Amino acid sequence: MKRPPLERHSAMRYALVYARGTRQCATIRSISRHGIRLDGAFGLEPGDAVTVELPSMPALDGKVEWSVAAFCGIAFNSPLAETDPVLTDTLAM
C-alpha cells in the first residue's frame, strides 16, 4: 500500500529538545513568537537551558519556564519574527 505524501504541518508536530546533556523528541502542543509548549519532554526543570530543533529550522535556544510531569513551557531567548514560517503552521497559536 502506497503512503500519501506528508504535509508540512505533520512534519512540524515534533521537536528535538537538547538539555542536561541529553536529547529527546517531544510533541509540539503550541508555539508562539516567544515560546513553545511541549508534551513528552521528561526530566526538565524550570530554569534549565534548552535548545529546541524544529524540522527545517535553525535551532532555538531558550529556558524552561514551567514543567509538570512530561509537559513544559519554554521561553525563547530571542522572539521569532512575526513572519517566521513556523508561526504560519497549523500548530501556531
Protein backbone atom coordinates (compact mmCIF):
# COMPACT_ATOMS: atom_id res chain seq x y z
CA MET A 1 0.00 0.00 0.00
CA LYS A 2 1.40 3.37 -1.02
CA ARG A 3 1.57 6.04 1.69
CA PRO A 4 0.29 9.54 0.98
CA PRO A 5 2.89 12.33 1.00
CA LEU A 6 3.43 14.09 4.31
CA GLU A 7 2.04 17.58 4.61
CA ARG A 8 4.20 20.36 6.04
CA HIS A 9 2.18 20.65 9.26
CA SER A 10 2.63 16.96 10.07
CA ALA A 11 6.39 17.37 9.85
CA MET A 12 6.19 20.23 12.34
CA ARG A 13 4.48 18.23 15.07
CA TYR A 14 7.69 17.11 16.74
CA ALA A 15 10.75 18.86 18.09
CA LEU A 16 14.11 17.64 19.33
CA VAL A 17 14.97 19.03 22.74
CA TYR A 18 18.56 19.19 23.98
CA ALA A 19 19.02 19.77 27.72
CA ARG A 20 21.14 18.44 30.56
CA GLY A 21 23.38 16.59 28.11
CA THR A 22 20.52 14.58 26.60
CA ARG A 23 18.36 14.68 23.50
CA GLN A 24 14.71 13.74 23.36
CA CYS A 25 11.81 14.02 20.95
CA ALA A 26 8.70 15.86 22.15
CA THR A 27 5.31 16.73 20.67
CA ILE A 28 4.62 20.40 19.96
CA ARG A 29 1.35 21.49 21.59
CA SER A 30 1.61 25.19 20.73
CA ILE A 31 4.14 27.72 19.55
CA SER A 32 4.29 31.49 19.53
CA ARG A 33 6.87 34.19 18.87
CA HIS A 34 8.03 33.95 22.48
CA GLY A 35 7.99 30.26 23.26
CA ILE A 36 6.79 26.72 22.80
CA ARG A 37 4.70 24.25 24.82
CA LEU A 38 5.80 20.62 24.60
CA ASP A 39 4.42 17.24 25.64
CA GLY A 40 6.79 14.35 26.24
CA ALA A 41 9.82 16.30 27.44
CA PHE A 42 10.84 14.43 30.57
CA GLY A 43 13.22 15.48 33.34
CA LEU A 44 13.22 19.21 32.61
CA GLU A 45 13.03 21.74 35.43
CA PRO A 46 12.30 25.46 35.48
CA GLY A 47 15.48 27.38 34.71
CA ASP A 48 17.06 24.64 32.57
CA ALA A 49 18.76 25.97 29.44
CA VAL A 50 17.48 24.14 26.35
CA THR A 51 17.92 24.07 22.60
CA VAL A 52 14.89 23.19 20.51
CA GLU A 53 15.21 21.96 16.93
CA LEU A 54 12.22 22.03 14.60
CA PRO A 55 12.34 20.36 11.18
CA SER A 56 13.99 22.58 8.54
CA MET A 57 14.53 25.44 11.02
CA PRO A 58 17.59 26.78 12.83
CA ALA A 59 17.96 25.70 16.45
CA LEU A 60 16.21 27.89 19.02
CA ASP A 61 17.75 28.48 22.43
CA GLY A 62 15.58 29.06 25.45
CA LYS A 63 14.84 28.38 29.08
CA VAL A 64 12.27 26.12 30.74
CA GLU A 65 9.68 28.38 32.39
CA TRP A 66 7.47 25.65 33.85
CA SER A 67 7.32 21.87 33.90
CA VAL A 68 4.63 19.45 35.10
CA ALA A 69 5.33 15.76 34.51
CA ALA A 70 6.08 15.47 30.75
CA PHE A 71 4.62 18.89 29.84
CA CYS A 72 6.73 22.03 29.77
CA GLY A 73 6.78 25.60 28.56
CA ILE A 74 9.96 27.02 27.08
CA ALA A 75 10.61 30.73 26.58
CA PHE A 76 12.87 31.51 23.63
CA ASN A 77 15.92 33.69 24.34
CA SER A 78 15.02 35.80 21.29
CA PRO A 79 11.47 36.09 19.95
CA LEU A 80 10.74 34.75 16.48
CA ALA A 81 9.99 37.25 13.74
CA GLU A 82 6.29 37.88 13.14
CA THR A 83 6.76 36.49 9.63
CA ASP A 84 8.64 33.34 10.71
CA PRO A 85 7.32 30.38 8.69
CA VAL A 86 6.93 28.22 11.80
CA LEU A 87 4.21 30.62 13.01
CA THR A 88 2.10 30.12 9.89
CA ASP A 89 1.95 26.37 10.51
CA THR A 90 -1.37 24.95 11.75
CA LEU A 91 0.14 24.47 15.21
CA ALA A 92 0.74 28.20 15.71
CA MET A 93 -1.41 29.73 18.40
